Amino acid sequence: MANHDIQSWLNGDVLRSKAIREQYPLIALIVALVFVYILMGYQAGRQQHRLTDTKKEMLDAKFRYMTISAQLTNTTRQSQVATALREQGSTLQENRVPPTKITHE
C-alpha cells in the first residue's frame, strides 16, 4: 500500500500494512520504555519529596536538641542551682574557699 492518504490513516489500513506489522515488536518496546521512563520520573519525584520531608524533620530535631541543651546548661549553672536551693529553703551554702590540692612529698 504505497498510497497513504488521510482515509487510509483514519480507517486503520496503514496499521494493517505489512511494513507496519513487522515493526509491532519495536513499537511495543518503545511504548514499554516510555511507560518505564514515566514511572521512574514519578518515583524520583516521590523520593525527592520524602528526602525534603526528612531534612525538615532533621532540622526540627536539631533545633529541639539545641533548645533543650541551652535550657539544661542554664538550669545547671552554679548560680541557678544556688538560687533554686535558696528558694526551696535549703540551708546549704556555696563554698567560697577555692579547693586546694594536697600533695604528698
C-alpha atoms as a PDB file:
ATOM      1  CA  MET A   1       0.000   0.000   0.000  1.00  0.00           C
ATOM      2  CA  ALA A   2       2.100   2.829  -1.325  1.00  0.00           C
ATOM      3  CA  ASN A   3      -0.583   5.482  -1.211  1.00  0.00           C
ATOM      4  CA  HIS A   4      -1.104   6.645   2.383  1.00  0.00           C
ATOM      5  CA  ASP A   5      -3.875   9.190   2.163  1.00  0.00           C
ATOM      6  CA  ILE A   6      -5.899  10.535   5.071  1.00  0.00           C
ATOM      7  CA  GLN A   7      -8.641   7.958   4.554  1.00  0.00           C
ATOM      8  CA  SER A   8      -6.210   5.051   4.976  1.00  0.00           C
ATOM      9  CA  TRP A   9      -4.972   6.540   8.263  1.00  0.00           C
ATOM     10  CA  LEU A  10      -8.482   7.105   9.560  1.00  0.00           C
ATOM     11  CA  ASN A  11      -9.813   3.625   8.779  1.00  0.00           C
ATOM     12  CA  GLY A  12      -6.654   1.890  10.055  1.00  0.00           C
ATOM     13  CA  ASP A  13      -5.435   0.427   6.771  1.00  0.00           C
ATOM     14  CA  VAL A  14      -1.969   1.872   7.415  1.00  0.00           C
ATOM     15  CA  LEU A  15      -1.669  -0.031  10.686  1.00  0.00           C
ATOM     16  CA  ARG A  16      -2.581  -3.279   8.923  1.00  0.00           C
ATOM     17  CA  SER A  17       0.083  -2.908   6.253  1.00  0.00           C
ATOM     18  CA  LYS A  18       2.901  -5.449   6.199  1.00  0.00           C
ATOM     19  CA  ALA A  19       5.645  -2.869   6.746  1.00  0.00           C
ATOM     20  CA  ILE A  20       3.990  -1.585   9.939  1.00  0.00           C
ATOM     21  CA  ARG A  21       3.096  -5.081  11.215  1.00  0.00           C
ATOM     22  CA  GLU A  22       6.776  -6.017  11.043  1.00  0.00           C
ATOM     23  CA  GLN A  23       7.515  -3.056  13.343  1.00  0.00           C
ATOM     24  CA  TYR A  24       4.983  -4.060  16.053  1.00  0.00           C
ATOM     25  CA  PRO A  25       7.665  -5.512  18.388  1.00  0.00           C
ATOM     26  CA  LEU A  26       9.710  -2.317  18.077  1.00  0.00           C
ATOM     27  CA  ILE A  27       6.637  -0.170  18.716  1.00  0.00           C
ATOM     28  CA  ALA A  28       5.761  -2.310  21.758  1.00  0.00           C
ATOM     29  CA  LEU A  29       9.329  -1.916  23.074  1.00  0.00           C
ATOM     30  CA  ILE A  30       9.214   1.857  22.615  1.00  0.00           C
ATOM     31  CA  VAL A  31       5.835   2.068  24.400  1.00  0.00           C
ATOM     32  CA  ALA A  32       7.185  -0.065  27.273  1.00  0.00           C
ATOM     33  CA  LEU A  33      10.286   2.113  27.581  1.00  0.00           C
ATOM     34  CA  VAL A  34       8.200   5.295  27.611  1.00  0.00           C
ATOM     35  CA  PHE A  35       5.992   3.773  30.315  1.00  0.00           C
ATOM     36  CA  VAL A  36       9.039   2.832  32.428  1.00  0.00           C
ATOM     37  CA  TYR A  37      10.512   6.323  31.884  1.00  0.00           C
ATOM     38  CA  ILE A  38       7.316   7.961  33.160  1.00  0.00           C
ATOM     39  CA  LEU A  39       7.157   5.629  36.175  1.00  0.00           C
ATOM     40  CA  MET A  40      10.793   6.367  37.040  1.00  0.00           C
ATOM     41  CA  GLY A  41      10.074  10.106  36.877  1.00  0.00           C
ATOM     42  CA  TYR A  42       7.185   9.766  39.324  1.00  0.00           C
ATOM     43  CA  GLN A  43       9.299   7.560  41.595  1.00  0.00           C
ATOM     44  CA  ALA A  44      12.130  10.118  41.587  1.00  0.00           C
ATOM     45  CA  GLY A  45       9.665  12.880  42.442  1.00  0.00           C
ATOM     46  CA  ARG A  46       8.241  10.916  45.372  1.00  0.00           C
ATOM     47  CA  GLN A  47      11.725  10.095  46.628  1.00  0.00           C
ATOM     48  CA  GLN A  48      12.759  13.761  46.391  1.00  0.00           C
ATOM     49  CA  HIS A  49       9.638  14.745  48.355  1.00  0.00           C
ATOM     50  CA  ARG A  50      10.428  12.187  51.086  1.00  0.00           C
ATOM     51  CA  LEU A  51      14.027  13.442  51.226  1.00  0.00           C
ATOM     52  CA  THR A  52      12.818  17.028  51.666  1.00  0.00           C
ATOM     53  CA  ASP A  53      10.439  15.946  54.443  1.00  0.00           C
ATOM     54  CA  THR A  54      13.228  14.034  56.190  1.00  0.00           C
ATOM     55  CA  LYS A  55      15.546  17.051  56.002  1.00  0.00           C
ATOM     56  CA  LYS A  56      12.838  19.212  57.586  1.00  0.00           C
ATOM     57  CA  GLU A  57      12.352  16.650  60.375  1.00  0.00           C
ATOM     58  CA  MET A  58      16.116  16.536  60.995  1.00  0.00           C
ATOM     59  CA  LEU A  59      16.279  20.328  61.171  1.00  0.00           C
ATOM     60  CA  ASP A  60      13.360  20.394  63.635  1.00  0.00           C
ATOM     61  CA  ALA A  61      15.054  17.731  65.771  1.00  0.00           C
ATOM     62  CA  LYS A  62      18.317  19.704  65.694  1.00  0.00           C
ATOM     63  CA  PHE A  63      16.589  22.867  66.890  1.00  0.00           C
ATOM     64  CA  ARG A  64      14.741  20.951  69.630  1.00  0.00           C
ATOM     65  CA  TYR A  65      18.085  19.495  70.764  1.00  0.00           C
ATOM     66  CA  MET A  66      19.708  22.933  70.798  1.00  0.00           C
ATOM     67  CA  THR A  67      16.817  24.407  72.811  1.00  0.00           C
ATOM     68  CA  ILE A  68      16.870  21.598  75.383  1.00  0.00           C
ATOM     69  CA  SER A  69      20.669  21.759  75.603  1.00  0.00           C
ATOM     70  CA  ALA A  70      20.580  25.518  76.229  1.00  0.00           C
ATOM     71  CA  GLN A  71      17.881  25.089  78.887  1.00  0.00           C
ATOM     72  CA  LEU A  72      19.884  22.342  80.593  1.00  0.00           C
ATOM     73  CA  THR A  73      23.048  24.445  80.521  1.00  0.00           C
ATOM     74  CA  ASN A  74      21.181  27.372  82.049  1.00  0.00           C
ATOM     75  CA  THR A  75      19.480  25.372  84.811  1.00  0.00           C
ATOM     76  CA  THR A  76      22.665  23.569  85.875  1.00  0.00           C
ATOM     77  CA  ARG A  77      24.778  26.695  86.344  1.00  0.00           C
ATOM     78  CA  GLN A  78      26.038  27.126  89.867  1.00  0.00           C
ATOM     79  CA  SER A  79      24.200  30.401  90.340  1.00  0.00           C
ATOM     80  CA  GLN A  80      20.901  28.890  89.168  1.00  0.00           C
ATOM     81  CA  VAL A  81      21.324  25.862  91.445  1.00  0.00           C
ATOM     82  CA  ALA A  82      22.117  28.118  94.409  1.00  0.00           C
ATOM     83  CA  THR A  83      19.065  30.297  93.692  1.00  0.00           C
ATOM     84  CA  ALA A  84      16.821  27.238  93.409  1.00  0.00           C
ATOM     85  CA  LEU A  85      18.135  25.857  96.716  1.00  0.00           C
ATOM     86  CA  ARG A  86      17.541  29.179  98.483  1.00  0.00           C
ATOM     87  CA  GLU A  87      14.001  29.366  97.125  1.00  0.00           C
ATOM     88  CA  GLN A  88      13.300  25.871  98.478  1.00  0.00           C
ATOM     89  CA  GLY A  89      14.554  26.844 101.919  1.00  0.00           C
ATOM     90  CA  SER A  90      17.728  24.759 101.911  1.00  0.00           C
ATOM     91  CA  THR A  91      20.467  25.583 104.421  1.00  0.00           C
ATOM     92  CA  LEU A  92      23.256  24.621 102.024  1.00  0.00           C
ATOM     93  CA  GLN A  93      25.678  27.410 101.194  1.00  0.00           C
ATOM     94  CA  GLU A  94      28.194  27.865  98.435  1.00  0.00           C
ATOM     95  CA  ASN A  95      31.820  27.205  99.329  1.00  0.00           C
ATOM     96  CA  ARG A  96      33.675  30.486  98.890  1.00  0.00           C
ATOM     97  CA  VAL A  97      37.112  28.954  99.593  1.00  0.00           C
ATOM     98  CA  PRO A  98      38.790  27.646  96.488  1.00  0.00           C
ATOM     99  CA  PRO A  99      39.817  23.989  96.624  1.00  0.00           C
ATOM    100  CA  THR A 100      43.423  23.227  97.493  1.00  0.00           C
ATOM    101  CA  LYS A 101      45.489  20.397  96.201  1.00  0.00           C
ATOM    102  CA  ILE A 102      47.072  18.182  98.802  1.00  0.00           C
ATOM    103  CA  THR A 103      50.421  16.880  97.684  1.00  0.00           C
ATOM    104  CA  HIS A 104      52.344  14.134  99.338  1.00  0.00           C
ATOM    105  CA  GLU A 105      56.048  14.820  99.415  1.00  0.00           C
END
